[in-house]
Amino acid sequence: MKNRILNNWTFTRALYLVIGIAAMIHALKSHAWFGLALGAYFASMGLFAFGCAAGNCYNGTISSETNHNSSTDIQDVEFEEIKMK
């Protein structure tokens, strides 16, 4: 957990943290408790690097490479026609 908080900071992650804290401060001043929860959610996304703050929403961080083995050749399949009486 400590490694996740201290490493791999990006501009987006810092922005989520700053906006979340600003939303929490504004919600506390105006007594908007739902806004406090929403700000806490965005601040935690920035602090703990999950969700879009970690870059998992838009830039394809999941590898989709396929391994091609020579043993998985496509073989011809023979079909038999069935006629109804």
N, C-alpha and C. Protein backbone atom coordinates (compact mmCIF):
# COMPACT_ATOMS: atom_id res chain seq x y z
N MET A 1 0.82 -1.19 0.00
CA MET A 1 0.00 0.00 0.00
C MET A 1 0.87 1.26 0.00
N LYS A 2 1.94 1.24 0.78
CA LYS A 2 2.85 2.38 0.84
C LYS A 2 3.49 2.64 -0.53
N ASN A 3 3.85 1.56 -1.21
CA ASN A 3 4.44 1.67 -2.54
C ASN A 3 3.44 2.29 -3.52
N ARG A 4 2.18 1.91 -3.41
CA ARG A 4 1.14 2.42 -4.30
C ARG A 4 0.90 3.91 -4.09
N ILE A 5 1.03 4.38 -2.85
CA ILE A 5 0.80 5.79 -2.56
C ILE A 5 2.00 6.64 -2.99
N LEU A 6 3.21 6.14 -2.78
CA LEU A 6 4.40 6.97 -3.00
C LEU A 6 4.94 6.95 -4.42
N ASN A 7 4.60 5.96 -5.24
CA ASN A 7 5.21 5.83 -6.57
C ASN A 7 4.20 6.05 -7.69
N ASN A 8 4.74 6.27 -8.88
CA ASN A 8 3.99 6.39 -10.14
C ASN A 8 2.99 7.54 -10.14
N TRP A 9 3.39 8.70 -9.69
CA TRP A 9 2.53 9.87 -9.71
C TRP A 9 2.53 10.48 -11.10
N THR A 10 1.36 10.77 -11.61
CA THR A 10 1.20 11.43 -12.91
C THR A 10 0.43 12.73 -12.68
N PHE A 11 0.36 13.53 -13.72
CA PHE A 11 -0.40 14.78 -13.63
C PHE A 11 -1.87 14.50 -13.37
N THR A 12 -2.42 13.52 -14.04
CA THR A 12 -3.83 13.18 -13.86
C THR A 12 -4.12 12.73 -12.44
N ARG A 13 -3.27 11.93 -11.90
CA ARG A 13 -3.45 11.43 -10.54
C ARG A 13 -3.39 12.58 -9.53
N ALA A 14 -2.44 13.49 -9.69
CA ALA A 14 -2.34 14.64 -8.80
C ALA A 14 -3.56 15.55 -8.96
N LEU A 15 -4.04 15.70 -10.18
CA LEU A 15 -5.22 16.52 -10.43
C LEU A 15 -6.46 15.94 -9.74
N TYR A 16 -6.64 14.63 -9.80
CA TYR A 16 -7.74 14.00 -9.09
C TYR A 16 -7.66 14.26 -7.59
N LEU A 17 -6.47 14.17 -7.04
CA LEU A 17 -6.29 14.40 -5.61
C LEU A 17 -6.62 15.85 -5.24
N VAL A 18 -6.12 16.81 -6.01
CA VAL A 18 -6.34 18.22 -5.72
C VAL A 18 -7.82 18.58 -5.87
N ILE A 19 -8.45 18.12 -6.94
CA ILE A 19 -9.87 18.43 -7.16
C ILE A 19 -10.73 17.77 -6.08
N GLY A 20 -10.38 16.56 -5.68
CA GLY A 20 -11.12 15.88 -4.63
C GLY A 20 -11.03 16.61 -3.30
N ILE A 21 -9.84 17.08 -2.96
CA ILE A 21 -9.66 17.83 -1.70
C ILE A 21 -10.41 19.16 -1.76
N ALA A 22 -10.34 19.84 -2.92
CA ALA A 22 -11.07 21.10 -3.07
C ALA A 22 -12.57 20.88 -2.95
N ALA A 23 -13.09 19.81 -3.52
CA ALA A 23 -14.51 19.50 -3.43
C ALA A 23 -14.91 19.19 -1.98
N MET A 24 -14.04 18.50 -1.27
CA MET A 24 -14.32 18.19 0.14
C MET A 24 -14.35 19.47 0.99
N ILE A 25 -13.43 20.38 0.77
CA ILE A 25 -13.39 21.64 1.52
C ILE A 25 -14.64 22.46 1.24
N HIS A 26 -15.00 22.55 -0.04
CA HIS A 26 -16.20 23.31 -0.41
C HIS A 26 -17.46 22.68 0.18
N ALA A 27 -17.54 21.36 0.16
CA ALA A 27 -18.70 20.67 0.72
C ALA A 27 -18.79 20.86 2.23
N LEU A 28 -17.66 20.87 2.92
CA LEU A 28 -17.67 21.11 4.36
C LEU A 28 -18.17 22.52 4.69
N LYS A 29 -17.73 23.50 3.91
CA LYS A 29 -18.14 24.88 4.16
C LYS A 29 -19.63 25.09 3.90
N SER A 30 -20.17 24.39 2.92
CA SER A 30 -21.58 24.59 2.56
C SER A 30 -22.50 23.52 3.15
N HIS A 31 -21.96 22.65 3.98
CA HIS A 31 -22.73 21.57 4.63
C HIS A 31 -23.43 20.67 3.61
N ALA A 32 -22.79 20.39 2.50
CA ALA A 32 -23.32 19.48 1.48
C ALA A 32 -22.63 18.13 1.67
N TRP A 33 -23.27 17.25 2.40
CA TRP A 33 -22.63 16.00 2.81
C TRP A 33 -22.44 15.04 1.65
N PHE A 34 -23.31 15.07 0.66
CA PHE A 34 -23.11 14.23 -0.52
C PHE A 34 -21.87 14.68 -1.29
N GLY A 35 -21.65 15.99 -1.33
CA GLY A 35 -20.46 16.53 -1.98
C GLY A 35 -19.19 16.12 -1.27
N LEU A 36 -19.29 15.98 0.05
CA LEU A 36 -18.14 15.52 0.83
C LEU A 36 -17.77 14.09 0.45
N ALA A 37 -18.77 13.24 0.31
CA ALA A 37 -18.52 11.85 -0.09
C ALA A 37 -17.97 11.79 -1.51
N LEU A 38 -18.50 12.62 -2.39
CA LEU A 38 -18.02 12.63 -3.78
C LEU A 38 -16.58 13.13 -3.85
N GLY A 39 -16.26 14.16 -3.09
CA GLY A 39 -14.89 14.67 -3.04
C GLY A 39 -13.93 13.65 -2.46
N ALA A 40 -14.39 12.93 -1.42
CA ALA A 40 -13.55 11.89 -0.81
C ALA A 40 -13.27 10.77 -1.80
N TYR A 41 -14.26 10.44 -2.64
CA TYR A 41 -14.07 9.41 -3.65
C TYR A 41 -13.00 9.83 -4.66
N PHE A 42 -13.09 11.06 -5.16
CA PHE A 42 -12.10 11.52 -6.14
C PHE A 42 -10.72 11.68 -5.51
N ALA A 43 -10.66 12.14 -4.27
CA ALA A 43 -9.36 12.28 -3.60
C ALA A 43 -8.73 10.90 -3.36
N SER A 44 -9.55 9.92 -3.00
CA SER A 44 -8.99 8.58 -2.79
C SER A 44 -8.55 7.94 -4.10
N MET A 45 -9.24 8.27 -5.21
CA MET A 45 -8.78 7.77 -6.52
C MET A 45 -7.38 8.31 -6.82
N GLY A 46 -7.16 9.57 -6.52
CA GLY A 46 -5.84 10.16 -6.76
C GLY A 46 -4.79 9.63 -5.80
N LEU A 47 -5.16 9.48 -4.55
CA LEU A 47 -4.19 9.06 -3.54
C LEU A 47 -3.78 7.60 -3.70
N PHE A 48 -4.74 6.73 -3.94
CA PHE A 48 -4.45 5.29 -3.99
C PHE A 48 -4.31 4.74 -5.41
N ALA A 49 -4.41 5.58 -6.43
CA ALA A 49 -4.20 5.21 -7.84
C ALA A 49 -5.08 4.05 -8.29
N PHE A 50 -6.38 4.27 -8.24
CA PHE A 50 -7.30 3.30 -8.82
C PHE A 50 -8.26 4.03 -9.73
N GLY A 51 -8.94 3.28 -10.59
CA GLY A 51 -9.89 3.89 -11.52
C GLY A 51 -9.19 4.70 -12.59
N CYS A 52 -9.84 5.77 -13.00
CA CYS A 52 -9.30 6.61 -14.08
C CYS A 52 -8.04 7.36 -13.67
N ALA A 53 -7.86 7.61 -12.38
CA ALA A 53 -6.66 8.30 -11.92
C ALA A 53 -5.41 7.47 -12.16
N ALA A 54 -5.57 6.16 -12.24
CA ALA A 54 -4.43 5.29 -12.50
C ALA A 54 -4.22 5.07 -14.00
N GLY A 55 -5.09 5.65 -14.82
CA GLY A 55 -4.96 5.51 -16.27
C GLY A 55 -5.61 4.26 -16.82
N ASN A 56 -6.50 3.65 -16.10
CA ASN A 56 -7.12 2.41 -16.55
C ASN A 56 -8.37 2.63 -17.39
N CYS A 57 -8.76 3.85 -17.61
CA CYS A 57 -10.02 4.09 -18.32
C CYS A 57 -9.85 4.27 -19.82
N TYR A 58 -8.73 4.78 -20.26
CA TYR A 58 -8.69 5.24 -21.64
C TYR A 58 -7.48 4.82 -22.46
N ASN A 59 -6.41 4.35 -21.89
CA ASN A 59 -5.22 4.20 -22.71
C ASN A 59 -4.76 2.77 -22.92
N GLY A 60 -5.59 1.80 -22.74
CA GLY A 60 -5.25 0.44 -23.08
C GLY A 60 -4.05 -0.11 -22.34
N THR A 61 -4.03 -0.06 -21.04
CA THR A 61 -2.90 -0.57 -20.29
C THR A 61 -2.93 -2.09 -20.20
N ILE A 62 -4.03 -2.68 -20.59
CA ILE A 62 -4.14 -4.13 -20.58
C ILE A 62 -3.60 -4.67 -21.90
N SER A 63 -2.69 -5.57 -21.83
CA SER A 63 -2.09 -6.13 -23.03
C SER A 63 -3.04 -7.12 -23.68
N SER A 64 -3.22 -6.97 -24.98
CA SER A 64 -4.13 -7.87 -25.68
C SER A 64 -3.38 -8.71 -26.72
N GLU A 65 -2.11 -8.91 -26.50
CA GLU A 65 -1.32 -9.71 -27.42
C GLU A 65 -1.71 -11.18 -27.29
N THR A 66 -1.76 -11.85 -28.44
CA THR A 66 -2.11 -13.27 -28.42
C THR A 66 -0.87 -14.08 -28.76
N ASN A 67 -0.77 -15.21 -28.16
CA ASN A 67 0.33 -16.12 -28.46
C ASN A 67 -0.11 -17.08 -29.55
N HIS A 68 0.64 -17.13 -30.61
CA HIS A 68 0.32 -18.02 -31.72
C HIS A 68 1.22 -19.25 -31.64
N ASN A 69 0.61 -20.37 -31.39
CA ASN A 69 1.36 -21.62 -31.34
C ASN A 69 1.15 -22.37 -32.66
N SER A 70 2.18 -23.05 -33.09
CA SER A 70 2.05 -23.81 -34.33
C SER A 70 1.16 -25.03 -34.14
N SER A 71 0.92 -25.44 -32.90
CA SER A 71 0.08 -26.61 -32.66
C SER A 71 -1.40 -26.28 -32.73
N THR A 72 -1.74 -25.00 -32.86
CA THR A 72 -3.15 -24.62 -32.93
C THR A 72 -3.56 -24.27 -34.35
N ASP A 73 -3.14 -25.07 -35.31
CA ASP A 73 -3.51 -24.84 -36.70
C ASP A 73 -5.00 -25.09 -36.89
N ILE A 74 -5.57 -24.34 -37.80
CA ILE A 74 -6.99 -24.53 -38.11
C ILE A 74 -7.12 -25.74 -39.01
N GLN A 75 -8.02 -26.63 -38.64
CA GLN A 75 -8.24 -27.84 -39.42
C GLN A 75 -9.59 -27.73 -40.12
N ASP A 76 -9.67 -28.38 -41.27
CA ASP A 76 -10.93 -28.40 -42.01
C ASP A 76 -11.94 -29.26 -41.27
N VAL A 77 -13.16 -28.76 -41.20
CA VAL A 77 -14.24 -29.48 -40.55
C VAL A 77 -15.20 -29.94 -41.62
N GLU A 78 -15.61 -31.18 -41.53
CA GLU A 78 -16.53 -31.74 -42.51
C GLU A 78 -17.94 -31.72 -41.92
N PHE A 79 -18.90 -31.14 -42.68
CA PHE A 79 -20.27 -31.06 -42.23
C PHE A 79 -21.13 -32.04 -43.00
N GLU A 80 -22.16 -32.53 -42.34
CA GLU A 80 -23.11 -33.44 -42.97
C GLU A 80 -24.47 -32.80 -42.94
N GLU A 81 -25.13 -32.78 -44.08
CA GLU A 81 -26.44 -32.14 -44.19
C GLU A 81 -27.51 -33.12 -43.71
N ILE A 82 -28.41 -32.62 -42.87
CA ILE A 82 -29.51 -33.44 -42.37
C ILE A 82 -30.79 -32.91 -42.98
N LYS A 83 -31.55 -33.81 -43.64
CA LYS A 83 -32.80 -33.40 -44.28
C LYS A 83 -33.97 -33.87 -43.43
N MET A 84 -34.94 -33.00 -43.31
CA MET A 84 -36.17 -33.32 -42.58
C MET A 84 -37.12 -34.06 -43.51
N LYS A 85 -37.89 -35.03 -42.96
CA LYS A 85 -38.86 -35.77 -43.77
C LYS A 85 -40.20 -35.09 -43.79
